[in-house]
Amino acid sequence: TISRDNAKNMVYLQMNSLKPEDTAIYYCAADA
């Protein structure tokens, strides 16, 4: 589940039921 708080300039990614195939480097990025 992704969410953002514009008042705090934050974005979150809640990851549940994780699997071995979720193993990776995770990046956030901004799109204008």
PDB file of all heavy atoms in Angstrom:
ATOM      1  N   THR A   1       0.844  -1.193   0.000  1.00  0.00           N
ATOM      2  CA  THR A   1       0.000   0.000   0.000  1.00  0.00           C
ATOM      3  C   THR A   1       0.876   1.238   0.000  1.00  0.00           C
ATOM      4  O   THR A   1       1.751   1.378   0.859  1.00  0.00           O
ATOM      5  CB  THR A   1      -0.920   0.030   1.224  1.00  0.00           C
ATOM      6  OG1 THR A   1      -1.722  -1.155   1.257  1.00  0.00           O
ATOM      7  CG2 THR A   1      -1.838   1.244   1.169  1.00  0.00           C
ATOM      8  N   ILE A   2       0.633   2.118  -0.964  1.00  0.00           N
ATOM      9  CA  ILE A   2       1.369   3.378  -1.041  1.00  0.00           C
ATOM     10  C   ILE A   2       0.501   4.495  -0.473  1.00  0.00           C
ATOM     11  O   ILE A   2      -0.734   4.479  -0.618  1.00  0.00           O
ATOM     12  CB  ILE A   2       1.790   3.684  -2.498  1.00  0.00           C
ATOM     13  CG1 ILE A   2       2.793   4.838  -2.544  1.00  0.00           C
ATOM     14  CG2 ILE A   2       0.572   3.975  -3.367  1.00  0.00           C
ATOM     15  CD1 ILE A   2       3.427   5.040  -3.925  1.00  0.00           C
ATOM     16  N   SER A   3       1.151   5.458   0.177  1.00  0.00           N
ATOM     17  CA  SER A   3       0.444   6.627   0.678  1.00  0.00           C
ATOM     18  C   SER A   3       1.406   7.806   0.711  1.00  0.00           C
ATOM     19  O   SER A   3       2.632   7.608   0.675  1.00  0.00           O
ATOM     20  CB  SER A   3      -0.134   6.369   2.075  1.00  0.00           C
ATOM     21  OG  SER A   3       0.892   6.073   2.994  1.00  0.00           O
ATOM     22  N   ARG A   4       0.847   9.007   0.767  1.00  0.00           N
ATOM     23  CA  ARG A   4       1.701  10.188   0.858  1.00  0.00           C
ATOM     24  C   ARG A   4       1.092  11.177   1.837  1.00  0.00           C
ATOM     25  O   ARG A   4      -0.132  11.235   2.002  1.00  0.00           O
ATOM     26  CB  ARG A   4       1.919  10.822  -0.513  1.00  0.00           C
ATOM     27  CG  ARG A   4       0.724  11.476  -1.142  1.00  0.00           C
ATOM     28  CD  ARG A   4       1.039  11.931  -2.582  1.00  0.00           C
ATOM     29  NE  ARG A   4       1.970  13.053  -2.613  1.00  0.00           N
ATOM     30  CZ  ARG A   4       2.630  13.421  -3.712  1.00  0.00           C
ATOM     31  NH1 ARG A   4       2.449  12.763  -4.853  1.00  0.00           N
ATOM     32  NH2 ARG A   4       3.460  14.452  -3.675  1.00  0.00           N
ATOM     33  N   ASP A   5       1.977  11.955   2.448  1.00  0.00           N
ATOM     34  CA  ASP A   5       1.579  13.027   3.353  1.00  0.00           C
ATOM     35  C   ASP A   5       2.214  14.303   2.822  1.00  0.00           C
ATOM     36  O   ASP A   5       3.404  14.551   3.062  1.00  0.00           O
ATOM     37  CB  ASP A   5       2.050  12.697   4.773  1.00  0.00           C
ATOM     38  CG  ASP A   5       1.578  13.717   5.800  1.00  0.00           C
ATOM     39  OD1 ASP A   5       1.245  14.856   5.399  1.00  0.00           O
ATOM     40  OD2 ASP A   5       1.566  13.401   6.988  1.00  0.00           O
ATOM     41  N   ASN A   6       1.456  15.090   2.106  1.00  0.00           N
ATOM     42  CA  ASN A   6       2.016  16.290   1.477  1.00  0.00           C
ATOM     43  C   ASN A   6       2.429  17.339   2.508  1.00  0.00           C
ATOM     44  O   ASN A   6       3.297  18.165   2.239  1.00  0.00           O
ATOM     45  CB  ASN A   6       1.027  16.878   0.480  1.00  0.00           C
ATOM     46  CG  ASN A   6       0.957  16.072  -0.810  1.00  0.00           C
ATOM     47  OD1 ASN A   6       1.812  15.229  -1.068  1.00  0.00           O
ATOM     48  ND2 ASN A   6      -0.057  16.305  -1.619  1.00  0.00           N
ATOM     49  N   ALA A   7       1.818  17.312   3.672  1.00  0.00           N
ATOM     50  CA  ALA A   7       2.190  18.271   4.721  1.00  0.00           C
ATOM     51  C   ALA A   7       3.590  17.972   5.267  1.00  0.00           C
ATOM     52  O   ALA A   7       4.281  18.880   5.740  1.00  0.00           O
ATOM     53  CB  ALA A   7       1.174  18.239   5.844  1.00  0.00           C
ATOM     54  N   LYS A   8       3.980  16.705   5.199  1.00  0.00           N
ATOM     55  CA  LYS A   8       5.292  16.300   5.727  1.00  0.00           C
ATOM     56  C   LYS A   8       6.304  15.994   4.627  1.00  0.00           C
ATOM     57  O   LYS A   8       7.431  15.603   4.924  1.00  0.00           O
ATOM     58  CB  LYS A   8       5.127  15.069   6.620  1.00  0.00           C
ATOM     59  CG  LYS A   8       4.305  15.322   7.873  1.00  0.00           C
ATOM     60  CD  LYS A   8       4.219  14.071   8.729  1.00  0.00           C
ATOM     61  CE  LYS A   8       3.438  14.337  10.010  1.00  0.00           C
ATOM     62  NZ  LYS A   8       3.342  13.111  10.857  1.00  0.00           N
ATOM     63  N   ASN A   9       5.903  16.126   3.369  1.00  0.00           N
ATOM     64  CA  ASN A   9       6.784  15.792   2.233  1.00  0.00           C
ATOM     65  C   ASN A   9       7.280  14.354   2.320  1.00  0.00           C
ATOM     66  O   ASN A   9       8.473  14.067   2.122  1.00  0.00           O
ATOM     67  CB  ASN A   9       7.986  16.748   2.157  1.00  0.00           C
ATOM     68  CG  ASN A   9       7.603  18.118   1.664  1.00  0.00           C
ATOM     69  OD1 ASN A   9       6.426  18.432   1.504  1.00  0.00           O
ATOM     70  ND2 ASN A   9       8.589  18.959   1.417  1.00  0.00           N
ATOM     71  N   MET A  10       6.346  13.447   2.618  1.00  0.00           N
ATOM     72  CA  MET A  10       6.714  12.045   2.810  1.00  0.00           C
ATOM     73  C   MET A  10       5.821  11.140   1.958  1.00  0.00           C
ATOM     74  O   MET A  10       4.633  11.422   1.744  1.00  0.00           O
ATOM     75  CB  MET A  10       6.543  11.632   4.264  1.00  0.00           C
ATOM     76  CG  MET A  10       7.452  12.329   5.247  1.00  0.00           C
ATOM     77  SD  MET A  10       9.180  11.818   5.088  1.00  0.00           S
ATOM     78  CE  MET A  10       9.080  10.092   5.558  1.00  0.00           C
ATOM     79  N   VAL A  11       6.419  10.046   1.501  1.00  0.00           N
ATOM     80  CA  VAL A  11       5.681   8.968   0.848  1.00  0.00           C
ATOM     81  C   VAL A  11       6.072   7.664   1.537  1.00  0.00           C
ATOM     82  O   VAL A  11       7.229   7.486   1.914  1.00  0.00           O
ATOM     83  CB  VAL A  11       5.983   8.887  -0.653  1.00  0.00           C
ATOM     84  CG1 VAL A  11       5.292   7.676  -1.277  1.00  0.00           C
ATOM     85  CG2 VAL A  11       5.537  10.155  -1.345  1.00  0.00           C
ATOM     86  N   TYR A  12       5.095   6.788   1.685  1.00  0.00           N
ATOM     87  CA  TYR A  12       5.315   5.529   2.383  1.00  0.00           C
ATOM     88  C   TYR A  12       4.912   4.350   1.489  1.00  0.00           C
ATOM     89  O   TYR A  12       4.020   4.470   0.650  1.00  0.00           O
ATOM     90  CB  TYR A  12       4.488   5.482   3.665  1.00  0.00           C
ATOM     91  CG  TYR A  12       4.708   6.668   4.561  1.00  0.00           C
ATOM     92  CD1 TYR A  12       3.826   7.743   4.551  1.00  0.00           C
ATOM     93  CD2 TYR A  12       5.816   6.732   5.400  1.00  0.00           C
ATOM     94  CE1 TYR A  12       4.019   8.846   5.356  1.00  0.00           C
ATOM     95  CE2 TYR A  12       6.027   7.831   6.212  1.00  0.00           C
ATOM     96  CZ  TYR A  12       5.133   8.885   6.187  1.00  0.00           C
ATOM     97  OH  TYR A  12       5.343   9.978   6.984  1.00  0.00           O
ATOM     98  N   LEU A  13       5.573   3.234   1.715  1.00  0.00           N
ATOM     99  CA  LEU A  13       5.177   1.996   1.058  1.00  0.00           C
ATOM    100  C   LEU A  13       5.091   0.923   2.134  1.00  0.00           C
ATOM    101  O   LEU A  13       6.112   0.478   2.660  1.00  0.00           O
ATOM    102  CB  LEU A  13       6.179   1.591  -0.024  1.00  0.00           C
ATOM    103  CG  LEU A  13       5.778   0.367  -0.845  1.00  0.00           C
ATOM    104  CD1 LEU A  13       4.561   0.695  -1.725  1.00  0.00           C
ATOM    105  CD2 LEU A  13       6.924  -0.120  -1.718  1.00  0.00           C
ATOM    106  N   GLN A  14       3.872   0.558   2.492  1.00  0.00           N
ATOM    107  CA  GLN A  14       3.643  -0.509   3.445  1.00  0.00           C
ATOM    108  C   GLN A  14       3.653  -1.833   2.698  1.00  0.00           C
ATOM    109  O   GLN A  14       2.852  -2.035   1.784  1.00  0.00           O
ATOM    110  CB  GLN A  14       2.300  -0.316   4.165  1.00  0.00           C
ATOM    111  CG  GLN A  14       1.962  -1.409   5.158  1.00  0.00           C
ATOM    112  CD  GLN A  14       2.906  -1.444   6.338  1.00  0.00           C
ATOM    113  OE1 GLN A  14       3.242  -0.405   6.896  1.00  0.00           O
ATOM    114  NE2 GLN A  14       3.329  -2.639   6.731  1.00  0.00           N
ATOM    115  N   MET A  15       4.552  -2.708   3.094  1.00  0.00           N
ATOM    116  CA  MET A  15       4.722  -3.985   2.408  1.00  0.00           C
ATOM    117  C   MET A  15       4.387  -5.116   3.373  1.00  0.00           C
ATOM    118  O   MET A  15       5.076  -5.282   4.389  1.00  0.00           O
ATOM    119  CB  MET A  15       6.153  -4.123   1.896  1.00  0.00           C
ATOM    120  CG  MET A  15       6.597  -2.957   1.029  1.00  0.00           C
ATOM    121  SD  MET A  15       8.206  -3.217   0.263  1.00  0.00           S
ATOM    122  CE  MET A  15       9.256  -3.313   1.700  1.00  0.00           C
ATOM    123  N   ASN A  16       3.353  -5.860   3.064  1.00  0.00           N
ATOM    124  CA  ASN A  16       2.918  -6.988   3.889  1.00  0.00           C
ATOM    125  C   ASN A  16       3.066  -8.293   3.116  1.00  0.00           C
ATOM    126  O   ASN A  16       3.207  -8.293   1.892  1.00  0.00           O
ATOM    127  CB  ASN A  16       1.463  -6.791   4.305  1.00  0.00           C
ATOM    128  CG  ASN A  16       1.247  -5.551   5.149  1.00  0.00           C
ATOM    129  OD1 ASN A  16       2.126  -5.135   5.897  1.00  0.00           O
ATOM    130  ND2 ASN A  16       0.069  -4.948   5.031  1.00  0.00           N
ATOM    131  N   SER A  17       3.008  -9.391   3.839  1.00  0.00           N
ATOM    132  CA  SER A  17       3.093 -10.723   3.225  1.00  0.00           C
ATOM    133  C   SER A  17       4.279 -10.813   2.276  1.00  0.00           C
ATOM    134  O   SER A  17       4.148 -11.277   1.134  1.00  0.00           O
ATOM    135  CB  SER A  17       1.789 -11.051   2.492  1.00  0.00           C
ATOM    136  OG  SER A  17       0.685 -10.989   3.363  1.00  0.00           O
ATOM    137  N   LEU A  18       5.411 -10.362   2.739  1.00  0.00           N
ATOM    138  CA  LEU A  18       6.594 -10.300   1.874  1.00  0.00           C
ATOM    139  C   LEU A  18       7.049 -11.682   1.444  1.00  0.00           C
ATOM    140  O   LEU A  18       6.937 -12.664   2.207  1.00  0.00           O
ATOM    141  CB  LEU A  18       7.714  -9.556   2.579  1.00  0.00           C
ATOM    142  CG  LEU A  18       7.524  -8.032   2.572  1.00  0.00           C
ATOM    143  CD1 LEU A  18       8.384  -7.381   3.646  1.00  0.00           C
ATOM    144  CD2 LEU A  18       7.866  -7.461   1.208  1.00  0.00           C
ATOM    145  N   LYS A  19       7.562 -11.751   0.224  1.00  0.00           N
ATOM    146  CA  LYS A  19       8.029 -13.004  -0.374  1.00  0.00           C
ATOM    147  C   LYS A  19       9.502 -12.864  -0.738  1.00  0.00           C
ATOM    148  O   LYS A  19       9.985 -11.739  -0.957  1.00  0.00           O
ATOM    149  CB  LYS A  19       7.235 -13.288  -1.647  1.00  0.00           C
ATOM    150  CG  LYS A  19       5.732 -13.330  -1.461  1.00  0.00           C
ATOM    151  CD  LYS A  19       5.032 -13.508  -2.803  1.00  0.00           C
ATOM    152  CE  LYS A  19       3.520 -13.523  -2.646  1.00  0.00           C
ATOM    153  NZ  LYS A  19       2.835 -13.691  -3.956  1.00  0.00           N
ATOM    154  N   PRO A  20      10.220 -13.954  -0.844  1.00  0.00           N
ATOM    155  CA  PRO A  20      11.635 -13.868  -1.249  1.00  0.00           C
ATOM    156  C   PRO A  20      11.824 -13.121  -2.569  1.00  0.00           C
ATOM    157  O   PRO A  20      12.822 -12.416  -2.733  1.00  0.00           O
ATOM    158  CB  PRO A  20      12.046 -15.335  -1.366  1.00  0.00           C
ATOM    159  CG  PRO A  20      11.171 -16.035  -0.390  1.00  0.00           C
ATOM    160  CD  PRO A  20       9.852 -15.321  -0.466  1.00  0.00           C
ATOM    161  N   GLU A  21      10.875 -13.226  -3.469  1.00  0.00           N
ATOM    162  CA  GLU A  21      10.990 -12.539  -4.751  1.00  0.00           C
ATOM    163  C   GLU A  21      10.798 -11.023  -4.644  1.00  0.00           C
ATOM    164  O   GLU A  21      10.987 -10.307  -5.631  1.00  0.00           O
ATOM    165  CB  GLU A  21      10.002 -13.114  -5.782  1.00  0.00           C
ATOM    166  CG  GLU A  21       8.581 -13.204  -5.301  1.00  0.00           C
ATOM    167  CD  GLU A  21       8.224 -14.598  -4.787  1.00  0.00           C
ATOM    168  OE1 GLU A  21       9.049 -15.189  -4.050  1.00  0.00           O
ATOM    169  OE2 GLU A  21       7.105 -15.066  -5.113  1.00  0.00           O
ATOM    170  N   ASP A  22      10.448 -10.524  -3.465  1.00  0.00           N
ATOM    171  CA  ASP A  22      10.396  -9.079  -3.240  1.00  0.00           C
ATOM    172  C   ASP A  22      11.771  -8.503  -2.904  1.00  0.00           C
ATOM    173  O   ASP A  22      11.922  -7.287  -2.810  1.00  0.00           O
ATOM    174  CB  ASP A  22       9.429  -8.748  -2.100  1.00  0.00           C
ATOM    175  CG  ASP A  22       7.985  -9.089  -2.418  1.00  0.00           C
ATOM    176  OD1 ASP A  22       7.557  -8.813  -3.563  1.00  0.00           O
ATOM    177  OD2 ASP A  22       7.305  -9.628  -1.534  1.00  0.00           O
ATOM    178  N   THR A  23      12.747  -9.357  -2.740  1.00  0.00           N
ATOM    179  CA  THR A  23      14.107  -8.909  -2.425  1.00  0.00           C
ATOM    180  C   THR A  23      14.658  -8.056  -3.554  1.00  0.00           C
ATOM    181  O   THR A  23      14.677  -8.475  -4.718  1.00  0.00           O
ATOM    182  CB  THR A  23      15.026 -10.116  -2.185  1.00  0.00           C
ATOM    183  OG1 THR A  23      14.574 -10.825  -1.028  1.00  0.00           O
ATOM    184  CG2 THR A  23      16.464  -9.674  -1.997  1.00  0.00           C
ATOM    185  N   ALA A  24      15.090  -6.848  -3.213  1.00  0.00           N
ATOM    186  CA  ALA A  24      15.596  -5.907  -4.211  1.00  0.00           C
ATOM    187  C   ALA A  24      16.030  -4.634  -3.500  1.00  0.00           C
ATOM    188  O   ALA A  24      15.775  -4.453  -2.303  1.00  0.00           O
ATOM    189  CB  ALA A  24      14.509  -5.569  -5.235  1.00  0.00           C
ATOM    190  N   ILE A  25      16.663  -3.743  -4.266  1.00  0.00           N
ATOM    191  CA  ILE A  25      16.852  -2.372  -3.808  1.00  0.00           C
ATOM    192  C   ILE A  25      15.607  -1.595  -4.235  1.00  0.00           C
ATOM    193  O   ILE A  25      15.209  -1.663  -5.406  1.00  0.00           O
ATOM    194  CB  ILE A  25      18.124  -1.747  -4.387  1.00  0.00           C
ATOM    195  CG1 ILE A  25      19.355  -2.532  -3.954  1.00  0.00           C
ATOM    196  CG2 ILE A  25      18.243  -0.291  -3.934  1.00  0.00           C
ATOM    197  CD1 ILE A  25      20.642  -2.063  -4.592  1.00  0.00           C
ATOM    198  N   TYR A  26      15.038  -0.874  -3.301  1.00  0.00           N
ATOM    199  CA  TYR A  26      13.822  -0.103  -3.559  1.00  0.00           C
ATOM    200  C   TYR A  26      14.169   1.387  -3.645  1.00  0.00           C
ATOM    201  O   TYR A  26      14.855   1.913  -2.769  1.00  0.00           O
ATOM    202  CB  TYR A  26      12.788  -0.341  -2.460  1.00  0.00           C
ATOM    203  CG  TYR A  26      12.094  -1.673  -2.593  1.00  0.00           C
ATOM    204  CD1 TYR A  26      12.772  -2.860  -2.355  1.00  0.00           C
ATOM    205  CD2 TYR A  26      10.759  -1.749  -2.981  1.00  0.00           C
ATOM    206  CE1 TYR A  26      12.135  -4.089  -2.500  1.00  0.00           C
ATOM    207  CE2 TYR A  26      10.114  -2.962  -3.119  1.00  0.00           C
ATOM    208  CZ  TYR A  26      10.812  -4.132  -2.882  1.00  0.00           C
ATOM    209  OH  TYR A  26      10.173  -5.349  -3.018  1.00  0.00           O
ATOM    210  N   TYR A  27      13.657   2.021  -4.686  1.00  0.00           N
ATOM    211  CA  TYR A  27      13.928   3.432  -4.935  1.00  0.00           C
ATOM    212  C   TYR A  27      12.610   4.206  -4.978  1.00  0.00           C
ATOM    213  O   TYR A  27      11.618   3.711  -5.522  1.00  0.00           O
ATOM    214  CB  TYR A  27      14.608   3.626  -6.288  1.00  0.00           C
ATOM    215  CG  TYR A  27      15.914   2.897  -6.461  1.00  0.00           C
ATOM    216  CD1 TYR A  27      15.949   1.606  -6.958  1.00  0.00           C
ATOM    217  CD2 TYR A  27      17.118   3.528  -6.151  1.00  0.00           C
ATOM    218  CE1 TYR A  27      17.156   0.933  -7.126  1.00  0.00           C
ATOM    219  CE2 TYR A  27      18.329   2.866  -6.322  1.00  0.00           C
ATOM    220  CZ  TYR A  27      18.336   1.573  -6.811  1.00  0.00           C
ATOM    221  OH  TYR A  27      19.535   0.925  -6.976  1.00  0.00           O
ATOM    222  N   CYS A  28      12.631   5.427  -4.460  1.00  0.00           N
ATOM    223  CA  CYS A  28      11.514   6.318  -4.737  1.00  0.00           C
ATOM    224  C   CYS A  28      11.961   7.353  -5.766  1.00  0.00           C
ATOM    225  O   CYS A  28      13.161   7.649  -5.887  1.00  0.00           O
ATOM    226  CB  CYS A  28      10.971   6.976  -3.483  1.00  0.00           C
ATOM    227  SG  CYS A  28      12.064   8.158  -2.677  1.00  0.00           S
ATOM    228  N   ALA A  29      11.003   7.846  -6.500  1.00  0.00           N
ATOM    229  CA  ALA A  29      11.296   8.781  -7.582  1.00  0.00           C
ATOM    230  C   ALA A  29      10.148   9.771  -7.728  1.00  0.00           C
ATOM    231  O   ALA A  29       9.014   9.477  -7.350  1.00  0.00           O
ATOM    232  CB  ALA A  29      11.508   8.024  -8.888  1.00  0.00           C
ATOM    233  N   ALA A  30      10.473  10.934  -8.289  1.00  0.00           N
ATOM    234  CA  ALA A  30       9.504  12.023  -8.446  1.00  0.00           C
ATOM    235  C   ALA A  30       9.290  12.333  -9.922  1.00  0.00           C
ATOM    236  O   ALA A  30      10.257  12.437 -10.682  1.00  0.00           O
ATOM    237  CB  ALA A  30       9.988  13.264  -7.705  1.00  0.00           C
ATOM    238  N   ASP A  31       8.043  12.497 -10.304  1.00  0.00           N
ATOM    239  CA  ASP A  31       7.645  12.729 -11.701  1.00  0.00           C
ATOM    240  C   ASP A  31       6.884  14.042 -11.800  1.00  0.00           C
ATOM    241  O   ASP A  31       5.809  14.175 -11.216  1.00  0.00           O
ATOM    242  CB  ASP A  31       6.775  11.562 -12.165  1.00  0.00           C
ATOM    243  CG  ASP A  31       6.222  11.739 -13.565  1.00  0.00           C
ATOM    244  OD1 ASP A  31       6.714  12.631 -14.295  1.00  0.00           O
ATOM    245  OD2 ASP A  31       5.300  10.988 -13.933  1.00  0.00           O
ATOM    246  N   ALA A  32       7.433  14.988 -12.587  1.00  0.00           N
ATOM    247  CA  ALA A  32       6.803  16.301 -12.729  1.00  0.00           C
ATOM    248  C   ALA A  32       5.770  16.343 -13.844  1.00  0.00           C
ATOM    249  O   ALA A  32       5.088  17.363 -14.007  1.00  0.00           O
ATOM    250  CB  ALA A  32       7.872  17.370 -12.980  1.00  0.00           C
TER     251      ALA A  32
END
